[in-house]
Protein backbone atom coordinates (compact mmCIF):
# COMPACT_ATOMS: atom_id res chain seq x y z
CA UNK A 1 -25.09 -28.53 -30.20
CA UNK A 2 -25.31 -32.34 -29.95
CA UNK A 3 -28.04 -31.88 -27.37
CA UNK A 4 -29.92 -29.60 -29.73
CA UNK A 5 -29.64 -31.99 -32.66
CA UNK A 6 -30.87 -34.84 -30.48
CA UNK A 7 -33.83 -32.77 -29.36
CA UNK A 8 -34.55 -31.53 -32.85
CA UNK A 9 -34.65 -35.10 -34.11
CA UNK A 10 -37.55 -35.75 -31.75
CA UNK A 11 -39.78 -33.36 -33.71
CA UNK A 12 -41.87 -35.91 -35.57
CA UNK A 13 -45.14 -35.72 -37.43
CA UNK A 14 -48.22 -35.66 -35.22
CA UNK A 15 -49.76 -38.40 -37.28
CA UNK A 16 -47.07 -40.81 -36.12
CA UNK A 17 -48.60 -40.64 -32.65
CA UNK A 18 -52.22 -41.22 -33.59
CA UNK A 19 -52.39 -44.10 -31.12
CA UNK A 20 -51.58 -41.83 -28.16
CA UNK A 21 -54.30 -40.25 -26.08
CA UNK A 22 -55.17 -36.77 -27.29
CA UNK A 23 -53.99 -35.09 -24.07
CA UNK A 24 -50.72 -37.02 -24.06
CA UNK A 25 -50.13 -36.16 -27.70
CA UNK A 26 -50.68 -32.44 -27.26
CA UNK A 27 -48.61 -32.32 -24.06
CA UNK A 28 -45.78 -34.13 -25.82
CA UNK A 29 -46.01 -31.65 -28.68
CA UNK A 30 -45.75 -28.72 -26.27
CA UNK A 31 -42.67 -30.21 -24.57
CA UNK A 32 -40.95 -30.74 -27.89
CA UNK A 33 -41.44 -27.09 -28.78
CA UNK A 34 -39.75 -26.10 -25.53
CA UNK A 35 -36.90 -28.58 -25.98
CA UNK A 36 -36.27 -27.48 -29.57
CA UNK A 37 -34.81 -24.14 -28.59
CA UNK A 38 -33.48 -24.69 -25.08
CA UNK A 39 -30.01 -23.14 -24.71
CA UNK A 40 -29.52 -22.69 -28.46
CA UNK A 41 -28.24 -19.45 -30.00
CA UNK A 42 -30.06 -17.35 -32.58
CA UNK A 43 -27.60 -17.95 -35.45
CA UNK A 44 -27.84 -21.74 -35.20
CA UNK A 45 -31.62 -21.55 -35.01
CA UNK A 46 -31.61 -19.34 -38.11
CA UNK A 47 -29.54 -21.80 -40.14
CA UNK A 48 -31.85 -24.64 -39.11
CA UNK A 49 -35.00 -22.72 -40.04
CA UNK A 50 -33.57 -21.65 -43.42
CA UNK A 51 -32.45 -25.16 -44.31
CA UNK A 52 -35.64 -26.91 -43.23
CA UNK A 53 -37.96 -24.43 -44.92
CA UNK A 54 -36.13 -24.22 -48.25
CA UNK A 55 -35.88 -28.01 -48.47
CA UNK A 56 -39.58 -28.29 -47.62
CA UNK A 57 -40.47 -26.00 -50.52
CA UNK A 58 -38.03 -27.69 -52.90
CA UNK A 59 -39.59 -31.03 -52.03
CA UNK A 60 -42.92 -29.66 -53.21
CA UNK A 61 -41.31 -28.41 -56.41
CA UNK A 62 -39.60 -31.57 -57.65
CA UNK A 63 -39.13 -34.44 -55.19
CA UNK A 64 -42.87 -34.95 -54.74
CA UNK A 65 -44.49 -35.09 -58.20
CA UNK A 66 -48.01 -34.16 -57.06
CA UNK A 67 -47.75 -30.39 -57.66
CA UNK A 68 -45.33 -30.48 -60.64
CA UNK A 69 -47.77 -32.93 -62.21
CA UNK A 70 -50.80 -30.76 -61.46
CA UNK A 71 -49.26 -27.73 -63.20
CA UNK A 72 -47.93 -29.85 -66.10
CA UNK A 73 -44.24 -29.32 -65.63
CA UNK A 74 -43.80 -33.03 -65.08
CA UNK A 75 -45.57 -36.26 -66.00
CA UNK A 76 -44.94 -39.67 -64.51
CA UNK A 77 -43.51 -42.26 -66.88
CA UNK A 78 -44.33 -45.00 -64.37
CA UNK A 79 -46.99 -45.20 -61.64
CA UNK A 80 -48.63 -42.12 -63.08
CA UNK A 81 -51.35 -41.15 -60.59
CA UNK A 82 -49.98 -37.64 -60.32
CA UNK A 83 -50.60 -37.21 -64.06
CA UNK A 84 -54.31 -36.91 -63.29
CA UNK A 85 -54.40 -35.49 -59.74
CA UNK A 86 -54.82 -38.85 -58.02
CA UNK A 87 -53.02 -37.90 -54.81
CA UNK A 88 -55.30 -34.91 -54.20
CA UNK A 89 -58.02 -37.45 -53.36
CA UNK A 90 -56.39 -38.44 -50.08
CA UNK A 91 -55.65 -36.64 -46.80
CA UNK A 92 -52.18 -35.11 -46.76
CA UNK A 93 -49.83 -34.53 -43.83
CA UNK A 94 -48.03 -31.56 -45.38
CA UNK A 95 -49.79 -29.43 -42.76
CA UNK A 96 -47.91 -31.28 -40.04
CA UNK A 97 -44.62 -31.00 -41.93
CA UNK A 98 -45.06 -27.22 -41.94
CA UNK A 99 -46.08 -27.27 -38.27
CA UNK A 100 -42.93 -29.16 -37.32
CA UNK A 101 -40.83 -26.31 -38.71
CA UNK A 102 -43.15 -23.77 -37.08
CA UNK A 103 -42.47 -25.31 -33.65
CA UNK A 104 -38.84 -24.38 -34.13
CA UNK A 105 -39.74 -20.96 -35.57
CA UNK A 106 -42.10 -20.01 -32.75
CA UNK A 107 -39.64 -21.19 -30.14
CA UNK A 108 -36.93 -19.14 -31.83
CA UNK A 109 -39.16 -16.04 -31.78
CA UNK A 110 -39.70 -16.48 -28.04
CA UNK A 111 -35.98 -16.86 -27.45
CA UNK A 112 -35.20 -13.80 -29.59
CA UNK A 113 -37.74 -11.84 -27.51
CA UNK A 114 -35.97 -12.78 -24.28
CA UNK A 115 -32.61 -11.76 -25.73
CA UNK A 116 -33.87 -8.54 -27.29
CA UNK A 117 -32.78 -9.72 -30.75
CA UNK A 118 -35.06 -7.59 -32.90
CA UNK A 119 -33.55 -8.39 -36.29
CA UNK A 120 -33.54 -12.14 -35.64
CA UNK A 121 -37.12 -11.96 -34.42
CA UNK A 122 -38.09 -10.17 -37.63
CA UNK A 123 -36.44 -12.82 -39.79
CA UNK A 124 -38.15 -15.63 -37.86
CA UNK A 125 -41.46 -13.76 -38.34
CA UNK A 126 -40.96 -14.00 -42.12
CA UNK A 127 -40.73 -17.78 -41.90
CA UNK A 128 -43.72 -17.89 -39.55
CA UNK A 129 -45.80 -15.96 -42.09
CA UNK A 130 -44.52 -18.07 -44.97
CA UNK A 131 -45.36 -21.40 -43.33
CA UNK A 132 -48.76 -20.36 -42.03
CA UNK A 133 -49.58 -19.01 -45.49
CA UNK A 134 -48.67 -22.40 -46.93
CA UNK A 135 -51.04 -24.10 -44.50
CA UNK A 136 -54.02 -21.85 -45.14
CA UNK A 137 -53.44 -21.53 -48.90
CA UNK A 138 -53.52 -25.29 -49.38
CA UNK A 139 -56.10 -26.31 -46.75
CA UNK A 140 -58.33 -23.32 -45.97
CA UNK A 141 -59.21 -22.50 -42.35
CA UNK A 142 -56.53 -23.78 -40.01
CA UNK A 143 -55.14 -23.07 -36.56
CA UNK A 144 -53.26 -19.80 -36.30
CA UNK A 145 -54.10 -17.59 -33.30
CA UNK A 146 -54.08 -20.57 -30.90
CA UNK A 147 -51.44 -22.63 -32.71
CA UNK A 148 -48.34 -23.73 -30.80
CA UNK A 149 -49.74 -22.64 -27.44
CA UNK A 150 -49.58 -26.02 -25.74
CA UNK A 151 -47.32 -24.62 -23.04
CA UNK A 152 -50.15 -22.19 -22.25
CA UNK A 153 -52.65 -25.02 -21.87
CA UNK A 154 -54.27 -24.78 -25.34
CA UNK A 155 -54.06 -28.39 -26.43
CA UNK A 156 -56.87 -28.23 -28.98
CA UNK A 157 -56.45 -25.03 -30.99
CA UNK A 158 -59.37 -23.64 -32.92
CA UNK A 159 -59.25 -23.16 -36.68
CA UNK A 160 -59.14 -19.48 -37.58
CA UNK A 161 -61.03 -18.25 -40.60
CA UNK A 162 -58.81 -17.80 -43.62
CA UNK A 163 -59.77 -14.14 -43.92
CA UNK A 164 -58.53 -13.50 -40.37
CA UNK A 165 -55.36 -15.50 -40.98
CA UNK A 166 -54.53 -13.33 -43.99
CA UNK A 167 -55.06 -10.18 -41.95
CA UNK A 168 -52.64 -11.54 -39.36
CA UNK A 169 -50.02 -12.67 -41.87
CA UNK A 170 -49.90 -9.30 -43.63
CA UNK A 171 -49.50 -7.57 -40.26
CA UNK A 172 -46.72 -9.97 -39.24
CA UNK A 173 -44.81 -9.22 -42.43
CA UNK A 174 -45.09 -5.47 -41.72
CA UNK A 175 -43.76 -6.16 -38.24
CA UNK A 176 -40.93 -8.28 -39.64
CA UNK A 177 -39.80 -5.48 -41.93
CA UNK A 178 -39.82 -2.99 -39.03
CA UNK A 179 -38.02 -5.30 -36.60
CA UNK A 180 -35.23 -6.07 -39.06
CA UNK A 181 -34.77 -2.38 -39.81
CA UNK A 182 -34.71 -1.45 -36.09
CA UNK A 183 -32.51 -4.32 -34.94
CA UNK A 184 -28.99 -3.29 -34.01
CA UNK A 185 -27.46 -6.76 -33.68
CA UNK A 186 -25.43 -8.25 -36.50
CA UNK A 187 -26.79 -11.25 -38.39
CA UNK A 188 -24.21 -14.02 -38.51
CA UNK A 189 -22.90 -14.32 -42.09
CA UNK A 190 -21.84 -17.90 -41.32
CA UNK A 191 -25.22 -19.17 -40.19
CA UNK A 192 -27.30 -16.98 -42.48
CA UNK A 193 -27.32 -19.50 -45.32
CA UNK A 194 -29.49 -17.29 -47.50
CA UNK A 195 -28.20 -13.71 -47.30
CA UNK A 196 -24.90 -13.89 -45.37
CA UNK A 197 -26.05 -11.34 -42.79
CA UNK A 198 -27.47 -8.73 -45.20
CA UNK A 199 -30.47 -7.23 -43.37
CA UNK A 200 -31.70 -5.28 -46.39
CA UNK A 201 -32.15 -8.52 -48.29
CA UNK A 202 -34.22 -9.90 -45.42
CA UNK A 203 -36.40 -6.80 -45.58
CA UNK A 204 -36.77 -7.39 -49.32
CA UNK A 205 -37.90 -10.95 -48.64
CA UNK A 206 -40.54 -9.78 -46.13
CA UNK A 207 -41.99 -7.17 -48.49
CA UNK A 208 -41.83 -9.38 -51.58
CA UNK A 209 -43.64 -12.14 -49.71
CA UNK A 210 -46.28 -9.58 -48.72
CA UNK A 211 -46.75 -8.71 -52.42
CA UNK A 212 -47.24 -12.41 -53.17
CA UNK A 213 -49.93 -12.75 -50.50
CA UNK A 214 -51.63 -9.51 -51.51
CA UNK A 215 -51.89 -10.67 -55.11
CA UNK A 216 -53.16 -14.08 -54.01
CA UNK A 217 -55.93 -12.44 -52.01
CA UNK A 218 -56.45 -9.53 -54.42
CA UNK A 219 -60.05 -10.50 -55.20
CA UNK A 220 -60.90 -10.56 -51.50
CA UNK A 221 -59.09 -7.49 -50.11
CA UNK A 222 -60.78 -4.19 -50.93
CA UNK A 223 -57.75 -1.91 -50.63
CA UNK A 224 -55.19 -4.28 -52.12
CA UNK A 225 -54.03 -1.66 -54.64
CA UNK A 226 -53.28 0.85 -51.90
CA UNK A 227 -51.40 -1.78 -49.93
CA UNK A 228 -49.29 -2.80 -52.92
CA UNK A 229 -48.63 0.81 -53.87
CA UNK A 230 -47.46 1.57 -50.33
CA UNK A 231 -44.78 -1.11 -50.71
CA UNK A 232 -43.68 -0.40 -54.28
CA UNK A 233 -43.73 3.38 -53.82
CA UNK A 234 -41.40 3.51 -50.81
CA UNK A 235 -38.25 1.46 -51.52
CA UNK A 236 -36.31 3.11 -48.71
CA UNK A 237 -38.71 1.75 -46.09
CA UNK A 238 -40.11 -1.30 -47.88
CA UNK A 239 -37.51 -2.60 -50.37
CA UNK A 240 -38.42 -5.56 -52.57
CA UNK A 241 -36.56 -8.10 -54.70
CA UNK A 242 -35.01 -6.51 -57.78
CA UNK A 243 -32.23 -8.91 -58.82
CA UNK A 244 -31.26 -12.56 -58.64
CA UNK A 245 -28.91 -11.98 -55.72
CA UNK A 246 -32.06 -11.18 -53.70
CA UNK A 247 -33.67 -14.58 -54.31
CA UNK A 248 -34.88 -16.54 -51.28
CA UNK A 249 -32.92 -19.67 -52.14
CA UNK A 250 -29.86 -21.61 -50.99
CA UNK A 251 -27.41 -23.75 -52.98
CA UNK A 252 -26.80 -27.44 -52.46
CA UNK A 253 -23.49 -28.73 -51.10
CA UNK A 254 -23.68 -32.13 -52.81
CA UNK A 255 -21.69 -34.27 -50.37
CA UNK A 256 -24.48 -36.17 -48.57
CA UNK A 257 -28.08 -37.08 -49.34
CA UNK A 258 -29.34 -34.40 -46.99
CA UNK A 259 -27.39 -31.54 -48.57
CA UNK A 260 -27.83 -32.63 -52.20
CA UNK A 261 -30.37 -31.93 -54.93
CA UNK A 262 -33.09 -34.58 -54.65
CA UNK A 263 -32.78 -35.84 -58.22
CA UNK A 264 -29.01 -36.25 -57.98
CA UNK A 265 -27.16 -39.52 -57.88
CA UNK A 266 -26.82 -39.51 -54.09
CA UNK A 267 -30.60 -39.48 -53.67
CA UNK A 268 -32.13 -41.25 -56.69
CA UNK A 269 -31.06 -44.13 -58.86
CA UNK A 270 -31.49 -43.63 -62.56
CA UNK A 271 -34.82 -45.43 -62.78
CA UNK A 272 -36.36 -42.98 -60.31
CA UNK A 273 -35.02 -40.04 -62.31
CA UNK A 274 -36.35 -41.62 -65.51
CA UNK A 275 -39.86 -41.93 -64.10
CA UNK A 276 -40.30 -38.16 -64.21
CA UNK A 277 -40.62 -36.75 -67.72
CA UNK A 278 -41.29 -33.22 -68.98
CA UNK A 279 -44.96 -32.64 -69.75
CA UNK A 280 -45.97 -32.06 -73.36
CA UNK A 281 -47.44 -28.75 -72.16
CA UNK A 282 -44.00 -27.57 -71.06
CA UNK A 283 -42.13 -28.91 -74.08
CA UNK A 284 -44.64 -27.44 -76.54
CA UNK A 285 -44.57 -24.00 -74.93
CA UNK A 286 -40.77 -23.87 -74.91
CA UNK A 287 -40.65 -25.09 -78.52
CA UNK A 288 -43.22 -22.55 -79.70
CA UNK A 289 -41.32 -19.65 -78.15
CA UNK A 290 -37.84 -20.73 -79.31
CA UNK A 291 -37.04 -20.53 -75.62
CA UNK A 292 -33.32 -20.83 -74.75
CA UNK A 293 -34.22 -22.52 -71.45
CA UNK A 294 -35.39 -25.56 -73.44
CA UNK A 295 -32.03 -27.38 -73.80
CA UNK A 296 -31.12 -26.53 -70.21
CA UNK A 297 -34.25 -28.14 -68.79
CA UNK A 298 -34.96 -30.94 -71.29
CA UNK A 299 -32.88 -33.59 -73.03
CA UNK A 300 -33.56 -34.39 -76.69
CA UNK A 301 -35.54 -37.56 -77.36
CA UNK A 302 -33.38 -40.54 -78.11
CA UNK A 303 -34.99 -41.15 -81.49
CA UNK A 304 -36.95 -38.11 -82.68
CA UNK A 305 -38.73 -38.91 -85.89
CA UNK A 306 -38.38 -37.48 -89.37
CA UNK A 307 -39.96 -38.24 -92.71
CA UNK A 308 -36.56 -37.91 -94.39
CA UNK A 309 -35.08 -41.41 -94.87
CA UNK A 310 -31.62 -39.89 -95.38
CA UNK A 311 -31.53 -39.02 -91.68
CA UNK A 312 -32.39 -42.53 -90.55
CA UNK A 313 -29.80 -43.69 -88.01
CA UNK A 314 -27.82 -40.44 -87.86
CA UNK A 315 -26.62 -39.59 -84.38
CA UNK A 316 -26.57 -36.00 -83.18
CA UNK A 317 -25.34 -34.50 -79.93
CA UNK A 318 -26.55 -31.40 -78.12
CA UNK A 319 -24.47 -29.66 -75.49
CA UNK A 320 -26.12 -27.00 -73.39
CA UNK A 321 -24.54 -23.86 -71.96
CA UNK A 322 -23.53 -25.74 -68.83
CA UNK A 323 -21.60 -28.46 -70.60
CA UNK A 324 -24.14 -31.27 -70.30
CA UNK A 325 -24.31 -33.40 -73.43
CA UNK A 326 -27.21 -35.56 -74.58
CA UNK A 327 -27.13 -37.75 -77.68
CA UNK A 328 -30.06 -38.70 -79.88
CA UNK A 329 -30.62 -40.89 -82.91
CA UNK A 330 -32.95 -39.85 -85.69
CA UNK A 331 -35.44 -42.49 -86.77
CA UNK A 332 -37.46 -42.73 -89.95
CA UNK A 333 -41.18 -43.31 -89.33
CA UNK A 334 -42.29 -46.27 -91.36
CA UNK A 335 -46.02 -45.95 -90.92
CA UNK A 336 -46.53 -49.21 -92.80
CA UNK A 337 -44.92 -50.96 -89.85
CA UNK A 338 -47.90 -52.43 -87.98
CA UNK A 339 -46.27 -51.75 -84.61
CA UNK A 340 -45.97 -48.05 -85.46
CA UNK A 341 -49.39 -47.91 -87.10
CA UNK A 342 -50.95 -49.33 -83.93
CA UNK A 343 -49.69 -46.28 -82.05
CA UNK A 344 -50.88 -43.76 -84.64
CA UNK A 345 -53.28 -42.08 -82.19
CA UNK A 346 -50.33 -41.21 -79.98
CA UNK A 347 -47.96 -40.00 -82.70
CA UNK A 348 -48.39 -36.35 -81.78
CA UNK A 349 -44.84 -35.10 -82.28
CA UNK A 350 -42.99 -36.71 -85.16
CA UNK A 351 -40.44 -34.06 -86.09
CA UNK A 352 -39.25 -32.42 -82.90
CA UNK A 353 -36.06 -32.81 -80.96
CA UNK A 354 -37.75 -32.07 -77.61
CA UNK A 355 -41.02 -33.89 -76.96
CA UNK A 356 -43.11 -34.05 -73.79
CA UNK A 357 -45.25 -36.72 -72.17
CA UNK A 358 -48.99 -36.21 -72.78
CA UNK A 359 -50.81 -34.57 -69.86
CA UNK A 360 -53.16 -36.91 -68.01
CA UNK A 361 -51.78 -40.09 -69.54
CA UNK A 362 -51.52 -43.11 -67.33
CA UNK A 363 -47.95 -43.86 -66.32
CA UNK A 364 -47.64 -46.35 -69.17
CA UNK A 365 -44.41 -46.05 -71.12
CA UNK A 366 -45.93 -48.03 -74.01
CA UNK A 367 -48.21 -45.14 -74.95
CA UNK A 368 -45.92 -42.19 -74.40
CA UNK A 369 -45.97 -40.43 -77.80
CA UNK A 370 -46.41 -43.70 -79.66
CA UNK A 371 -43.61 -45.72 -78.07
CA UNK A 372 -43.60 -49.18 -79.60
CA UNK A 373 -40.08 -50.65 -79.51
CA UNK A 374 -40.41 -52.50 -76.23
CA UNK A 375 -37.37 -54.72 -76.66
CA UNK A 376 -35.01 -51.79 -77.14
CA UNK A 377 -36.85 -49.47 -74.80
CA UNK A 378 -36.62 -51.56 -71.65
CA UNK A 379 -38.84 -51.08 -68.63
CA UNK A 380 -38.37 -47.31 -68.32
CA UNK A 381 -36.75 -46.58 -71.64
CA UNK A 382 -39.41 -44.64 -73.49
CA UNK A 383 -37.30 -42.99 -76.16
CA UNK A 384 -40.29 -41.26 -77.73
CA UNK A 385 -40.41 -38.50 -75.10
CA UNK A 386 -37.70 -36.31 -73.64
CA UNK A 387 -36.16 -36.80 -70.27
CA UNK A 388 -35.18 -33.93 -68.06
CA UNK A 389 -31.63 -32.86 -68.83
CA UNK A 390 -28.52 -34.16 -67.11
CA UNK A 391 -28.46 -30.96 -65.06
CA UNK A 392 -31.10 -32.52 -62.84
CA UNK A 393 -28.97 -35.61 -62.22
CA UNK A 394 -26.31 -33.57 -60.41
CA UNK A 395 -25.92 -33.60 -56.63
CA UNK A 396 -25.05 -29.90 -56.74
CA UNK A 397 -24.76 -27.26 -59.44
CA UNK A 398 -24.88 -23.44 -59.45
CA UNK A 399 -28.22 -23.57 -61.26
CA UNK A 400 -29.82 -25.92 -58.73
CA UNK A 401 -31.11 -24.25 -55.58
CA UNK A 402 -33.63 -24.96 -52.85
CA UNK A 403 -36.01 -22.11 -53.57
CA UNK A 404 -38.85 -20.30 -51.84
CA UNK A 405 -39.18 -17.16 -53.97
CA UNK A 406 -37.32 -15.51 -56.85
CA UNK A 407 -37.11 -11.93 -58.09
CA UNK A 408 -38.71 -12.79 -61.43
CA UNK A 409 -41.89 -13.79 -59.60
CA UNK A 410 -42.06 -10.32 -58.04
CA UNK A 411 -41.73 -8.68 -61.46
CA UNK A 412 -44.61 -10.74 -62.83
CA UNK A 413 -46.73 -9.86 -59.80
CA UNK A 414 -46.09 -6.18 -60.51
CA UNK A 415 -46.83 -6.65 -64.22
CA UNK A 416 -50.21 -8.21 -63.40
CA UNK A 417 -50.94 -5.51 -60.82
CA UNK A 418 -50.13 -2.77 -63.35
CA UNK A 419 -52.41 -4.29 -66.01
CA UNK A 420 -55.24 -4.49 -63.47
CA UNK A 421 -54.69 -0.90 -62.33
CA UNK A 422 -53.73 -1.89 -58.79
CA UNK A 423 -50.43 0.00 -59.06
CA UNK A 424 -48.97 2.53 -61.44
CA UNK A 425 -46.01 1.56 -63.57
CA UNK A 426 -45.16 0.02 -66.91
CA UNK A 427 -46.58 -3.49 -67.14
CA UNK A 428 -44.44 -4.27 -70.18
CA UNK A 429 -41.25 -3.27 -68.37
CA UNK A 430 -42.11 -5.44 -65.37
CA UNK A 431 -43.01 -8.32 -67.70
CA UNK A 432 -39.74 -8.11 -69.63
CA UNK A 433 -37.72 -7.74 -66.43
CA UNK A 434 -39.35 -10.93 -65.17
CA UNK A 435 -38.40 -12.84 -68.31
CA UNK A 436 -34.82 -11.53 -68.21
CA UNK A 437 -34.34 -12.36 -64.53
CA UNK A 438 -35.65 -15.88 -65.03
CA UNK A 439 -33.34 -16.52 -67.97
CA UNK A 440 -30.34 -15.03 -66.18
CA UNK A 441 -31.07 -17.33 -63.25
CA UNK A 442 -30.76 -20.31 -65.60
CA UNK A 443 -27.47 -19.11 -67.06
CA UNK A 444 -28.82 -17.61 -70.32
CA UNK A 445 -26.58 -14.80 -71.66
CA UNK A 446 -27.87 -11.44 -72.93
CA UNK A 447 -26.94 -12.49 -76.46
CA UNK A 448 -29.84 -14.97 -76.31
CA UNK A 449 -32.18 -13.04 -74.02
CA UNK A 450 -32.38 -9.95 -76.23
CA UNK A 451 -33.38 -11.80 -79.45
CA UNK A 452 -35.93 -13.76 -77.45
CA UNK A 453 -37.51 -10.55 -76.13
CA UNK A 454 -37.52 -9.06 -79.65
CA UNK A 455 -39.81 -11.78 -81.02
CA UNK A 456 -43.32 -10.70 -81.97
CA UNK A 457 -44.71 -13.70 -80.08
CA UNK A 458 -43.31 -12.29 -76.82
CA UNK A 459 -44.79 -8.78 -77.16
CA UNK A 460 -47.77 -7.91 -74.97
CA UNK A 461 -50.95 -7.34 -77.01
CA UNK A 462 -53.10 -4.22 -76.76
CA UNK A 463 -55.97 -5.70 -74.73
CA UNK A 464 -55.71 -6.34 -71.00
CA UNK A 465 -56.99 -9.91 -71.16
CA UNK A 466 -54.35 -10.74 -73.74
CA UNK A 467 -51.70 -9.12 -71.59
CA UNK A 468 -52.70 -11.21 -68.59
CA UNK A 469 -52.48 -14.39 -70.67
CA UNK A 470 -48.94 -13.55 -71.83
CA UNK A 471 -47.83 -12.58 -68.32
CA UNK A 472 -49.27 -15.80 -66.89
CA UNK A 473 -47.48 -17.91 -69.53
CA UNK A 474 -44.11 -16.38 -68.72
CA UNK A 475 -44.71 -16.48 -64.98
CA UNK A 476 -45.57 -20.18 -65.27
CA UNK A 477 -42.30 -20.80 -67.08
CA UNK A 478 -40.37 -18.75 -64.52
CA UNK A 479 -41.91 -20.76 -61.66
CA UNK A 480 -40.49 -24.02 -63.05
CA UNK A 481 -39.21 -25.95 -60.02
CA UNK A 482 -41.30 -23.74 -57.68
CA UNK A 483 -44.41 -25.80 -58.31
CA UNK A 484 -46.23 -24.91 -55.10
CA UNK A 485 -46.50 -21.28 -56.22
CA UNK A 486 -47.29 -22.24 -59.81
CA UNK A 487 -50.19 -24.36 -58.57
CA UNK A 488 -51.61 -21.58 -56.38
CA UNK A 489 -51.28 -19.09 -59.22
CA UNK A 490 -53.04 -21.30 -61.78
CA UNK A 491 -55.77 -21.99 -59.23
CA UNK A 492 -56.21 -18.25 -58.67
CA UNK A 493 -56.13 -17.00 -62.27
CA UNK A 494 -57.08 -20.07 -64.33
CA UNK A 495 -54.04 -19.15 -66.42
CA UNK A 496 -52.32 -20.64 -68.28
CA UNK A 497 -55.41 -22.54 -69.45
CA UNK A 498 -54.05 -26.06 -69.07
CA UNK A 499 -57.18 -27.74 -67.76
CA UNK A 500 -58.25 -29.72 -70.82
CA UNK A 501 -54.82 -30.61 -72.14
CA UNK A 502 -54.12 -34.12 -73.33
CA UNK A 503 -56.35 -36.63 -71.56
CA UNK A 504 -57.50 -34.35 -68.73
CA UNK A 505 -60.90 -33.34 -70.11
CA UNK A 506 -62.74 -35.55 -67.60
CA UNK A 507 -60.50 -34.71 -64.61
CA UNK A 508 -61.50 -31.50 -62.78
CA UNK A 509 -58.61 -29.44 -61.43
CA UNK A 510 -58.22 -29.87 -57.63
CA UNK A 511 -58.56 -26.76 -55.49
CA UNK A 512 -57.09 -27.75 -52.11
CA UNK A 513 -55.46 -30.39 -49.97
CA UNK A 514 -57.65 -32.56 -47.75
CA UNK A 515 -57.05 -32.13 -44.01
CA UNK A 516 -54.82 -34.77 -42.36
CA UNK A 517 -56.83 -37.73 -41.13
CA UNK A 518 -55.46 -37.33 -37.61
CA UNK A 519 -57.34 -34.03 -37.24
CA UNK A 520 -60.62 -35.94 -37.04
CA UNK A 521 -59.39 -37.83 -34.00
CA UNK A 522 -57.31 -35.18 -32.27
CA UNK A 523 -59.08 -31.91 -32.95
CA UNK A 524 -62.47 -32.85 -34.35
CA UNK A 525 -64.45 -29.78 -33.18
CA UNK A 526 -62.03 -27.40 -34.85
CA UNK A 527 -61.93 -29.63 -37.92
CA UNK A 528 -65.71 -29.60 -38.23
CA UNK A 529 -65.79 -25.80 -37.93
CA UNK A 530 -63.13 -25.52 -40.64
CA UNK A 531 -64.99 -27.81 -43.03
CA UNK A 532 -68.21 -25.87 -42.43
CA UNK A 533 -66.75 -22.73 -44.04
CA UNK A 534 -65.85 -24.52 -47.28
CA UNK A 535 -68.20 -24.29 -50.25
CA UNK A 536 -69.69 -26.87 -50.38
CA UNK A 537 -68.95 -27.83 -46.75
CA UNK A 538 -67.11 -31.03 -47.63
CA UNK A 539 -63.51 -31.96 -46.91
CA UNK A 540 -62.57 -32.84 -50.47
CA UNK A 541 -60.23 -31.51 -53.13
CA UNK A 542 -62.93 -29.53 -54.96
CA UNK A 543 -64.48 -27.45 -52.16
CA UNK A 544 -63.70 -23.74 -52.29
CA UNK A 545 -62.00 -21.93 -49.43
CA UNK A 546 -62.50 -18.21 -48.71
CA UNK A 547 -59.82 -17.20 -51.22
CA UNK A 548 -61.79 -18.85 -54.03
CA UNK A 549 -65.38 -18.10 -52.98
């Protein structure tokens, strides 16, 4: 095992070797793929793949603020480029991060083939499909059919067209479901960090992921309804997620940096935690719906304002369902105070306990909702907007999980499909199941879920467009902390309509990641062919890939 860990540590980003010759780089890459799985058993490979992939997705959901900022879950309170899509302007190496995990996955599939491990091969195929879908969904055309074939002499893989990649991914997920069902070997409950050896749950993951991809490509696949119906209509052969114990997620241990939640004390100091604030979009939506997730996700502002002088200086405490307590102090707004009057344009929320940071605002704590008291506020102490709750300062907690996909997402996919006539079924039932599953996942009891669902503001309207808006709102809330999927969904549907919120009216929403810069030097012919299929054929954040054309 020490040998494996040593070899695994050698799997580094391709961009780190940009100074190498192209042939040497690709040959090195091929050797690392071979070394990654040499003499290692299937269970250990499975645990490594699960851990690396879930942490990769969780990093996109919270640790890196680019996507949470884009979908207005989070705004930066300091160095706020992600508040207005700044980091989409530059090449990103996330493609290589996914490829590093895929080296391990593809090697594991080859090893499972040699050993006749059908179920393990099927599970590894799920992760292969997941990671390749990430690459193509965020970049467009990318290597797929010739990827990871360095040992076969293909050092410069072509970029496959996105349409062909999707055809391949859907077929691989069908194969994964079949292999897991046919496999006779046991899955190690010790090393299966996600499902403790339950093969049915792995089948559910494969089929639920296929529903996600089908919905993402639903405007481009002619028979998408038939494909979705074939899954939903045959639960014995193609089971899908139905409850929170099916979720593709793993808990944190909380004893080291590597096995802890990224925002916890082992990973971030308080100033880093304080630099990420809830977006006004998120706070306003939760407030407007009387949503019981609000005090679990957000802390009250330190000094929420009131026009009632009798409340000036009164401290209140709020304790959420998980025992985390935040204190606040009510402050009377004296608008004759010139310091307060100078911030009048930013005094957007003067009577709320939970207040978000304005979308698109520069990371300037002075302007966050009219902050003016610099001496008492300190460098990062903007007490005019909420922080995220103390839950997100924990190293581990039952509510904090490294997540790829949840059951509530599947219910919202089915609700949208039912409204659009792609499948039969009750859209309202799917919609309400999605809300309930999301709230249960965050520890909300039925005694709060049922009154929430009974509100008139939650009910689906009679028209289909109105239904899709409501479904998108609740799906966006349910995808909190799964920002990669929230981004792709907003890009696909343009819902929720967040594009002109706050100060974003002059910032167009980005549509893709820019290819890593190293591709121009290492694989330029394939790169040029990939860029040529974009509309317009430019490698920037606004060009449309096949999915969006």
